[in-house]
Structures are given as structure tokens and as C-alpha cells.
C-alpha atoms as a PDB file:
ATOM      1  CA  MET A   1       0.189   0.137   0.287  1.00  0.00           C
ATOM      2  CA  ALA A   2       2.760   2.203   0.270  1.00  0.00           C
ATOM      3  CA  ASP A   3       2.660   3.299  -3.666  1.00  0.00           C
ATOM      4  CA  PHE A   4      -1.282   4.310  -2.891  1.00  0.00           C
ATOM      5  CA  ASP A   5      -1.713   8.047  -4.029  1.00  0.00           C
ATOM      6  CA  PHE A   6      -3.496   9.171  -0.279  1.00  0.00           C
ATOM      7  CA  GLU A   7      -1.686  12.782  -0.795  1.00  0.00           C
ATOM      8  CA  SER A   8      -3.679  13.369  -3.547  1.00  0.00           C
ATOM      9  CA  ARG A   9      -7.082  12.667  -2.087  1.00  0.00           C
ATOM     10  CA  ILE A  10      -5.987  15.586   1.134  1.00  0.00           C
ATOM     11  CA  VAL A  11      -7.629  19.443  -0.334  1.00  0.00           C
ATOM     12  CA  SER A  12      -5.639  22.115   1.022  1.00  0.00           C
ATOM     13  CA  ILE A  13      -8.075  24.850   2.987  1.00  0.00           C
ATOM     14  CA  PRO A  14      -6.590  28.271   3.357  1.00  0.00           C
ATOM     15  CA  ASP A  15      -7.508  30.307   5.885  1.00  0.00           C
ATOM     16  CA  PHE A  16      -9.704  27.858   7.860  1.00  0.00           C
ATOM     17  CA  PRO A  17     -10.836  27.754  10.490  1.00  0.00           C
ATOM     18  CA  GLU A  18      -8.717  31.569  10.949  1.00  0.00           C
ATOM     19  CA  PRO A  19      -6.525  33.138   8.893  1.00  0.00           C
ATOM     20  CA  GLY A  20      -3.424  31.954   8.220  1.00  0.00           C
ATOM     21  CA  VAL A  21      -3.822  28.224   8.895  1.00  0.00           C
ATOM     22  CA  ILE A  22      -4.090  25.752   5.879  1.00  0.00           C
ATOM     23  CA  PHE A  23      -6.391  23.454   6.738  1.00  0.00           C
ATOM     24  CA  LYS A  24      -5.715  19.741   5.076  1.00  0.00           C
ATOM     25  CA  ASP A  25      -9.454  17.917   4.719  1.00  0.00           C
ATOM     26  CA  ILE A  26      -9.118  14.483   4.572  1.00  0.00           C
ATOM     27  CA  THR A  27     -13.029  13.954   3.778  1.00  0.00           C
ATOM     28  CA  PRO A  28     -11.794  13.415   0.221  1.00  0.00           C
ATOM     29  CA  LEU A  29     -10.151  10.256   0.930  1.00  0.00           C
ATOM     30  CA  PHE A  30     -13.063   8.721   3.352  1.00  0.00           C
ATOM     31  CA  ALA A  31     -15.111   9.615   0.331  1.00  0.00           C
ATOM     32  CA  ASP A  32     -13.247   7.344  -2.091  1.00  0.00           C
ATOM     33  CA  PRO A  33     -13.622   3.435  -0.936  1.00  0.00           C
ATOM     34  CA  ASP A  34     -10.208   2.678  -2.209  1.00  0.00           C
ATOM     35  CA  ALA A  35      -8.207   4.889  -0.669  1.00  0.00           C
ATOM     36  CA  LEU A  36     -10.101   4.682   2.854  1.00  0.00           C
ATOM     37  CA  ASP A  37      -9.258   0.734   2.414  1.00  0.00           C
ATOM     38  CA  ALA A  38      -5.841   1.317   1.365  1.00  0.00           C
ATOM     39  CA  ALA A  39      -5.370   3.570   4.755  1.00  0.00           C
ATOM     40  CA  VAL A  40      -7.083   0.888   6.793  1.00  0.00           C
ATOM     41  CA  ASP A  41      -4.864  -1.735   5.366  1.00  0.00           C
ATOM     42  CA  ALA A  42      -1.942   0.212   5.563  1.00  0.00           C
ATOM     43  CA  ILE A  43      -2.308   0.729   8.840  1.00  0.00           C
ATOM     44  CA  ALA A  44      -3.392  -2.202  10.021  1.00  0.00           C
ATOM     45  CA  ALA A  45      -0.540  -4.113   8.411  1.00  0.00           C
ATOM     46  CA  HIS A  46       1.680  -1.721  10.350  1.00  0.00           C
ATOM     47  CA  PHE A  47       0.809  -2.822  13.334  1.00  0.00           C
ATOM     48  CA  ALA A  48      -0.133  -6.603  12.872  1.00  0.00           C
ATOM     49  CA  ASP A  49       2.749  -8.068  14.726  1.00  0.00           C
ATOM     50  CA  ALA A  50       2.219  -5.557  17.726  1.00  0.00           C
ATOM     51  CA  GLY A  51       0.784  -7.306  19.870  1.00  0.00           C
ATOM     52  CA  VAL A  52      -2.370  -4.914  19.639  1.00  0.00           C
ATOM     53  CA  THR A  53      -5.562  -5.911  22.089  1.00  0.00           C
ATOM     54  CA  LYS A  54      -7.783  -3.006  21.434  1.00  0.00           C
ATOM     55  CA  ILE A  55      -7.503   0.550  19.773  1.00  0.00           C
ATOM     56  CA  VAL A  56      -8.946   3.664  21.413  1.00  0.00           C
ATOM     57  CA  ALA A  57      -9.329   6.576  19.151  1.00  0.00           C
ATOM     58  CA  PRO A  58     -10.523  10.648  19.741  1.00  0.00           C
ATOM     59  CA  GLU A  59     -14.000  11.489  18.378  1.00  0.00           C
ATOM     60  CA  ALA A  60     -14.597  12.484  15.718  1.00  0.00           C
ATOM     61  CA  ARG A  61     -12.776  11.126  12.589  1.00  0.00           C
ATOM     62  CA  GLY A  62     -10.429   9.452  14.942  1.00  0.00           C
ATOM     63  CA  PHE A  63     -13.636   6.756  14.614  1.00  0.00           C
ATOM     64  CA  MET A  64     -14.129   7.137  11.274  1.00  0.00           C
ATOM     65  CA  ILE A  65     -10.303   5.553  10.947  1.00  0.00           C
ATOM     66  CA  GLY A  66     -10.324   3.369  14.050  1.00  0.00           C
ATOM     67  CA  ALA A  67     -12.939   1.592  13.932  1.00  0.00           C
ATOM     68  CA  PRO A  68     -11.971  -0.218  10.187  1.00  0.00           C
ATOM     69  CA  ILE A  69      -8.782  -0.702  11.599  1.00  0.00           C
ATOM     70  CA  ALA A  70     -10.065  -2.190  14.057  1.00  0.00           C
ATOM     71  CA  CYS A  71     -11.967  -4.940  12.442  1.00  0.00           C
ATOM     72  CA  LYS A  72      -8.772  -5.322   9.860  1.00  0.00           C
ATOM     73  CA  LEU A  73      -7.090  -6.225  13.257  1.00  0.00           C
ATOM     74  CA  GLY A  74      -9.663  -8.450  14.607  1.00  0.00           C
ATOM     75  CA  VAL A  75      -9.790  -6.251  18.083  1.00  0.00           C
ATOM     76  CA  GLY A  76     -12.397  -4.022  20.141  1.00  0.00           C
ATOM     77  CA  PHE A  77     -12.477  -0.676  19.393  1.00  0.00           C
ATOM     78  CA  ILE A  78     -12.774   2.144  22.419  1.00  0.00           C
ATOM     79  CA  PRO A  79     -14.132   5.401  21.439  1.00  0.00           C
ATOM     80  CA  ALA A  80     -12.694   8.659  23.733  1.00  0.00           C
ATOM     81  CA  ARG A  81     -15.789  10.466  23.675  1.00  0.00           C
ATOM     82  CA  LYS A  82     -16.161  14.219  25.051  1.00  0.00           C
ATOM     83  CA  PRO A  83     -18.054  14.461  28.719  1.00  0.00           C
ATOM     84  CA  GLY A  84     -21.655  13.250  28.554  1.00  0.00           C
ATOM     85  CA  LYS A  85     -21.509  11.228  25.422  1.00  0.00           C
ATOM     86  CA  LEU A  86     -20.931   7.871  27.274  1.00  0.00           C
ATOM     87  CA  PRO A  87     -24.233   6.177  29.063  1.00  0.00           C
ATOM     88  CA  ARG A  88     -21.774   4.094  31.921  1.00  0.00           C
ATOM     89  CA  ALA A  89     -19.711   5.101  34.357  1.00  0.00           C
ATOM     90  CA  THR A  90     -16.185   6.771  32.765  1.00  0.00           C
ATOM     91  CA  VAL A  91     -12.634   7.779  33.097  1.00  0.00           C
ATOM     92  CA  SER A  92     -11.678  11.373  32.005  1.00  0.00           C
ATOM     93  CA  VAL A  93      -8.721  13.077  31.006  1.00  0.00           C
ATOM     94  CA  SER A  94      -8.204  16.890  30.539  1.00  0.00           C
ATOM     95  CA  TYR A  95      -5.898  18.482  28.401  1.00  0.00           C
ATOM     96  CA  GLU A  96      -4.345  22.224  26.947  1.00  0.00           C
ATOM     97  CA  LEU A  97      -5.494  23.228  23.817  1.00  0.00           C
ATOM     98  CA  GLU A  98      -3.945  26.137  22.076  1.00  0.00           C
ATOM     99  CA  TYR A  99      -6.850  28.557  23.507  1.00  0.00           C
ATOM    100  CA  GLY A 100      -8.252  26.778  26.516  1.00  0.00           C
ATOM    101  CA  THR A 101      -8.669  22.680  27.620  1.00  0.00           C
ATOM    102  CA  ASP A 102     -10.609  19.742  26.371  1.00  0.00           C
ATOM    103  CA  THR A 103     -12.042  16.309  28.081  1.00  0.00           C
ATOM    104  CA  LEU A 104     -12.055  12.905  26.799  1.00  0.00           C
ATOM    105  CA  GLU A 105     -13.475  10.168  28.578  1.00  0.00           C
ATOM    106  CA  VAL A 106     -13.991   5.944  28.482  1.00  0.00           C
ATOM    107  CA  HIS A 107     -15.894   3.739  30.065  1.00  0.00           C
ATOM    108  CA  GLU A 108     -14.125   2.977  33.114  1.00  0.00           C
ATOM    109  CA  ASP A 109     -14.358  -0.798  32.116  1.00  0.00           C
ATOM    110  CA  ALA A 110     -13.216  -0.748  28.711  1.00  0.00           C
ATOM    111  CA  ILE A 111      -9.457  -0.750  29.242  1.00  0.00           C
ATOM    112  CA  GLU A 112      -7.903  -3.883  31.677  1.00  0.00           C
ATOM    113  CA  PRO A 113      -4.544  -3.774  32.554  1.00  0.00           C
ATOM    114  CA  GLY A 114      -2.201  -5.506  30.221  1.00  0.00           C
ATOM    115  CA  ASP A 115      -4.246  -4.502  27.350  1.00  0.00           C
ATOM    116  CA  ARG A 116      -1.812  -3.397  24.594  1.00  0.00           C
ATOM    117  CA  ILE A 117      -3.289  -0.050  22.962  1.00  0.00           C
ATOM    118  CA  LEU A 118      -2.887   1.380  19.621  1.00  0.00           C
ATOM    119  CA  LEU A 119      -4.021   4.859  19.282  1.00  0.00           C
ATOM    120  CA  ILE A 120      -5.328   6.166  15.859  1.00  0.00           C
ATOM    121  CA  ASP A 121      -6.675   9.031  14.970  1.00  0.00           C
ATOM    122  CA  ASP A 122      -6.915  11.199  11.815  1.00  0.00           C
ATOM    123  CA  LEU A 123      -4.010  13.791  12.268  1.00  0.00           C
ATOM    124  CA  ILE A 124      -1.682  14.370  14.695  1.00  0.00           C
ATOM    125  CA  ALA A 125      -1.622  18.284  14.739  1.00  0.00           C
ATOM    126  CA  THR A 126       0.634  19.079  17.945  1.00  0.00           C
ATOM    127  CA  GLY A 127       0.127  15.777  19.805  1.00  0.00           C
ATOM    128  CA  GLY A 128      -2.113  16.838  22.689  1.00  0.00           C
ATOM    129  CA  THR A 129      -5.170  15.021  21.891  1.00  0.00           C
ATOM    130  CA  LEU A 130      -3.303  12.059  21.576  1.00  0.00           C
ATOM    131  CA  SER A 131      -1.124  12.441  24.283  1.00  0.00           C
ATOM    132  CA  ALA A 132      -3.561  12.857  26.588  1.00  0.00           C
ATOM    133  CA  VAL A 133      -5.534   9.592  25.268  1.00  0.00           C
ATOM    134  CA  ALA A 134      -2.552   7.935  26.179  1.00  0.00           C
ATOM    135  CA  LYS A 135      -2.177   9.055  29.659  1.00  0.00           C
ATOM    136  CA  LEU A 136      -5.290   7.898  30.370  1.00  0.00           C
ATOM    137  CA  VAL A 137      -4.840   4.279  28.853  1.00  0.00           C
ATOM    138  CA  GLN A 138      -1.631   4.045  30.994  1.00  0.00           C
ATOM    139  CA  GLN A 139      -4.044   5.398  34.157  1.00  0.00           C
ATOM    140  CA  MET A 140      -5.924   2.671  33.257  1.00  0.00           C
ATOM    141  CA  GLY A 141      -3.225   0.244  33.482  1.00  0.00           C
ATOM    142  CA  ALA A 142      -2.647  -0.795  29.586  1.00  0.00           C
ATOM    143  CA  GLU A 143       0.412  -0.164  27.615  1.00  0.00           C
ATOM    144  CA  ILE A 144       0.873   1.899  24.229  1.00  0.00           C
ATOM    145  CA  ALA A 145       1.387  -0.559  21.132  1.00  0.00           C
ATOM    146  CA  GLY A 146       1.733   2.439  19.003  1.00  0.00           C
ATOM    147  CA  TYR A 147       0.404   5.381  17.372  1.00  0.00           C
ATOM    148  CA  GLY A 148      -1.599   5.320  13.419  1.00  0.00           C
ATOM    149  CA  CYS A 149      -2.802   8.537  11.812  1.00  0.00           C
ATOM    150  CA  ILE A 150      -3.677   9.473   8.397  1.00  0.00           C
ATOM    151  CA  LEU A 151      -1.898  12.680   8.135  1.00  0.00           C
ATOM    152  CA  GLU A 152       1.274  14.193  10.684  1.00  0.00           C
ATOM    153  CA  LEU A 153       1.970  18.506  10.620  1.00  0.00           C
ATOM    154  CA  ASP A 154       5.972  17.457  10.936  1.00  0.00           C
ATOM    155  CA  ALA A 155       6.361  21.372  11.602  1.00  0.00           C
ATOM    156  CA  LEU A 156       4.652  21.207  14.968  1.00  0.00           C
ATOM    157  CA  LYS A 157       7.230  18.284  16.391  1.00  0.00           C
ATOM    158  CA  PRO A 158       4.107  16.380  17.391  1.00  0.00           C
ATOM    159  CA  ARG A 159       6.582  13.340  18.098  1.00  0.00           C
ATOM    160  CA  GLU A 160       8.509  15.646  20.687  1.00  0.00           C
ATOM    161  CA  VAL A 161       5.659  15.599  22.131  1.00  0.00           C
ATOM    162  CA  LEU A 162       3.741  11.734  21.879  1.00  0.00           C
ATOM    163  CA  ASP A 163       7.124  10.448  22.228  1.00  0.00           C
ATOM    164  CA  PRO A 164      10.426  12.072  23.603  1.00  0.00           C
ATOM    165  CA  ASN A 165      12.451   9.125  23.880  1.00  0.00           C
ATOM    166  CA  GLY A 166      11.670   7.725  20.575  1.00  0.00           C
ATOM    167  CA  THR A 167      10.590   4.301  21.879  1.00  0.00           C
ATOM    168  CA  THR A 168       6.969   4.153  20.522  1.00  0.00           C
ATOM    169  CA  ASP A 169       5.759   3.448  16.907  1.00  0.00           C
ATOM    170  CA  ILE A 170       4.335   6.137  15.450  1.00  0.00           C
ATOM    171  CA  PHE A 171       3.338   5.899  11.973  1.00  0.00           C
ATOM    172  CA  THR A 172       1.529   7.884   9.527  1.00  0.00           C
ATOM    173  CA  LEU A 173       0.882   7.608   5.893  1.00  0.00           C
ATOM    174  CA  ILE A 174       1.185  11.295   4.862  1.00  0.00           C
ATOM    175  CA  HIS A 175       3.961  13.776   6.592  1.00  0.00           C
ATOM    176  CA  VAL A 176       2.917  17.563   6.057  1.00  0.00           C
ATOM    177  CA  LYS A 177       6.640  19.272   6.543  1.00  0.00           C
END
């Protein structure tokens, strides 16, 4: 799948959501069944031998790629949701955003000690969201098997946040300089 042209399915939108920002729209990739299938296959193949027991993905676009990868790997899928969206007892993590804070939750019985969790999202920008989810997963007694993503904004140096020691597998299909 390394030969698939994922990048041609990404549309750059200048000045969105604010002036000076170039938004990378991945919805054309999701709309193309061959591209979506190739993305799922490539990420799943990369982590096929990583001993993953479950996938955790933050809402909302992380769900769109995380769930089919979980199916492909034959493992469970755990949604990391905004507060108040999950119906049973939850564990939460709050984290800093550029302008304020946010919180994500998972069901308290979704992750067990010893689970090997693959964290999946559509895009890694600063690494803040996935870093927060990783802390939550680790607080619940699981270990991080790796991070998988469609797009990584290299200039924001998310790997320094996600894995300052360079010991965790971070796999992305498209790197934006």
C-alpha cells in the first residue's frame, strides 16, 4: 500500500478555521472507497504484529479510521468521547488546547491492565489530544502499542510530545512539512 497516492486525496483549505491556517481536509480520502480501504490496510498491516488488544480513538474523525482498523486487526474499538456522551461510568482526562482545555472520556471498564492499546486518529498536529488519551490509557493500567494516523503535521513536532524518548512506534501515511 505504500505506493497508493494518499496525498492526492487531501485538500488544502487556506485560512480555515482562521486566517493563516491551512486546513488539511481528509474527507475526500474518506469519500473514496479505494483510498479509505488502502489507508485502513496500510495502518493495520503496519501494526499487525504489535500485539494490539484494543484500539482507542478520539472523536470524531478518529472514529472513522479507528473502527475499521480495529475490524481489520480483529480487536476491540474504544471511543474516547467528549463529556456526557457515554452512558456508563467513565474515566476522563483533561488537557490543554491552544486556547483553553478539553476533556475526553472512556468507559471505566473498557480498558484492562495488560491491554496493548493502539491509538488512532486522523491527524497528528501538536500531539496534545493523543498524548492526553495515552495518559488516560496508561492510568488505566494498559500500555501503548503505538500511534497510527493518516496525516502528520511535522512542523508542529508532535513526536516530541507523543514520544520524547523515541521508543514508541508512530506511523503516519502522509507527512506535511
